[in-house]
Amino acid sequence: MKRLFYIDYPQESYEGQMHRYRCAFCKEETTKINGNLEGHLPTCEYRIRMEKEGHDCAGKSIEPASHDTDDYD
């Protein structure tokens, strides 16, 4: 199963920066996570829990599209 956005993880703010937040578990910045499960580190408690519950991480199953491209237009 895949959600459109994964935004229900605990967040904490950077000290002294009012509008900058990160995941409380893996410490990745929310702008890097961008609502995607694969934006969290592979060792993140939140990501591990969601994967155990059956949520798909796109980063695990998607191959780079470069295998079928050529070097010129």
C-alpha atoms as a PDB file:
ATOM      1  CA  MET A   1       0.000   0.000   0.000  1.00  0.00           C
ATOM      2  CA  LYS A   2       1.231   3.511  -0.776  1.00  0.00           C
ATOM      3  CA  ARG A   3      -0.034   6.813   0.612  1.00  0.00           C
ATOM      4  CA  LEU A   4       0.096  10.053  -1.278  1.00  0.00           C
ATOM      5  CA  PHE A   5       1.979  11.728   1.610  1.00  0.00           C
ATOM      6  CA  TYR A   6       3.607  10.546   4.840  1.00  0.00           C
ATOM      7  CA  ILE A   7       3.342  13.528   7.178  1.00  0.00           C
ATOM      8  CA  ASP A   8       2.229  11.964  10.462  1.00  0.00           C
ATOM      9  CA  TYR A   9       5.738  11.479  11.874  1.00  0.00           C
ATOM     10  CA  PRO A  10       6.914  13.362  14.986  1.00  0.00           C
ATOM     11  CA  GLN A  11       8.789  16.538  14.139  1.00  0.00           C
ATOM     12  CA  GLU A  12      11.091  18.820  16.053  1.00  0.00           C
ATOM     13  CA  SER A  13      12.312  22.299  15.213  1.00  0.00           C
ATOM     14  CA  TYR A  14      15.909  23.330  14.778  1.00  0.00           C
ATOM     15  CA  GLU A  15      17.051  25.359  17.746  1.00  0.00           C
ATOM     16  CA  GLY A  16      16.891  29.065  16.982  1.00  0.00           C
ATOM     17  CA  GLN A  17      15.119  28.551  13.629  1.00  0.00           C
ATOM     18  CA  MET A  18      11.384  28.940  14.000  1.00  0.00           C
ATOM     19  CA  HIS A  19      10.252  27.604  10.588  1.00  0.00           C
ATOM     20  CA  ARG A  20      12.718  24.746  10.069  1.00  0.00           C
ATOM     21  CA  TYR A  21      11.716  21.226  11.148  1.00  0.00           C
ATOM     22  CA  ARG A  22      13.098  17.682  11.009  1.00  0.00           C
ATOM     23  CA  CYS A  23      11.993  14.147  11.802  1.00  0.00           C
ATOM     24  CA  ALA A  24      12.371  13.459  15.518  1.00  0.00           C
ATOM     25  CA  PHE A  25      13.695   9.952  14.778  1.00  0.00           C
ATOM     26  CA  CYS A  26      16.163  10.195  11.873  1.00  0.00           C
ATOM     27  CA  LYS A  27      16.796  13.977  12.029  1.00  0.00           C
ATOM     28  CA  GLU A  28      16.267  14.431   8.277  1.00  0.00           C
ATOM     29  CA  GLU A  29      14.907  17.873   7.390  1.00  0.00           C
ATOM     30  CA  THR A  30      11.228  17.958   6.417  1.00  0.00           C
ATOM     31  CA  THR A  31      12.036  19.692   3.116  1.00  0.00           C
ATOM     32  CA  LYS A  32      14.259  16.730   2.207  1.00  0.00           C
ATOM     33  CA  ILE A  33      11.620  14.197   3.304  1.00  0.00           C
ATOM     34  CA  ASN A  34       9.014  16.094   1.261  1.00  0.00           C
ATOM     35  CA  GLY A  35       6.154  13.843   2.403  1.00  0.00           C
ATOM     36  CA  ASN A  36       7.820  10.700   1.027  1.00  0.00           C
ATOM     37  CA  LEU A  37       8.571   7.610   3.090  1.00  0.00           C
ATOM     38  CA  GLU A  38      11.846   7.131   1.230  1.00  0.00           C
ATOM     39  CA  GLY A  39      12.876  10.635   2.351  1.00  0.00           C
ATOM     40  CA  HIS A  40      13.529   9.204   5.815  1.00  0.00           C
ATOM     41  CA  LEU A  41      16.750   7.330   6.487  1.00  0.00           C
ATOM     42  CA  PRO A  42      16.503   3.520   6.091  1.00  0.00           C
ATOM     43  CA  THR A  43      17.213   3.218   9.836  1.00  0.00           C
ATOM     44  CA  CYS A  44      14.443   5.655  10.855  1.00  0.00           C
ATOM     45  CA  GLU A  45      11.993   4.236  13.425  1.00  0.00           C
ATOM     46  CA  TYR A  46       9.036   5.829  11.625  1.00  0.00           C
ATOM     47  CA  ARG A  47      10.048   4.420   8.221  1.00  0.00           C
ATOM     48  CA  ILE A  48      10.678   0.946   9.667  1.00  0.00           C
ATOM     49  CA  ARG A  49       7.300   0.954  11.440  1.00  0.00           C
ATOM     50  CA  MET A  50       5.450   2.068   8.306  1.00  0.00           C
ATOM     51  CA  GLU A  51       7.178  -0.583   6.164  1.00  0.00           C
ATOM     52  CA  LYS A  52       6.268  -3.280   8.723  1.00  0.00           C
ATOM     53  CA  GLU A  53       2.634  -2.125   8.504  1.00  0.00           C
ATOM     54  CA  GLY A  54       2.756  -2.779   4.758  1.00  0.00           C
ATOM     55  CA  HIS A  55       3.453   0.667   3.344  1.00  0.00           C
ATOM     56  CA  ASP A  56       5.662   0.664   0.263  1.00  0.00           C
ATOM     57  CA  CYS A  57       8.813   2.690   0.021  1.00  0.00           C
ATOM     58  CA  ALA A  58       9.252   3.756  -3.599  1.00  0.00           C
ATOM     59  CA  GLY A  59      13.016   3.867  -3.187  1.00  0.00           C
ATOM     60  CA  LYS A  60      13.137   0.114  -2.584  1.00  0.00           C
ATOM     61  CA  SER A  61      11.424  -1.073  -5.735  1.00  0.00           C
ATOM     62  CA  ILE A  62      11.980   1.538  -8.424  1.00  0.00           C
ATOM     63  CA  GLU A  63      14.933   1.097 -10.779  1.00  0.00           C
ATOM     64  CA  PRO A  64      16.603   4.133 -12.306  1.00  0.00           C
ATOM     65  CA  ALA A  65      15.228   4.912 -15.750  1.00  0.00           C
ATOM     66  CA  SER A  66      18.740   5.296 -17.172  1.00  0.00           C
ATOM     67  CA  HIS A  67      18.975   1.642 -18.240  1.00  0.00           C
ATOM     68  CA  ASP A  68      16.936   2.255 -21.392  1.00  0.00           C
ATOM     69  CA  THR A  69      18.258   5.653 -22.447  1.00  0.00           C
ATOM     70  CA  ASP A  70      20.830   6.500 -25.064  1.00  0.00           C
ATOM     71  CA  ASP A  71      23.677   8.983 -24.890  1.00  0.00           C
ATOM     72  CA  TYR A  72      22.344  11.333 -27.560  1.00  0.00           C
ATOM     73  CA  ASP A  73      19.073  12.946 -28.641  1.00  0.00           C
END
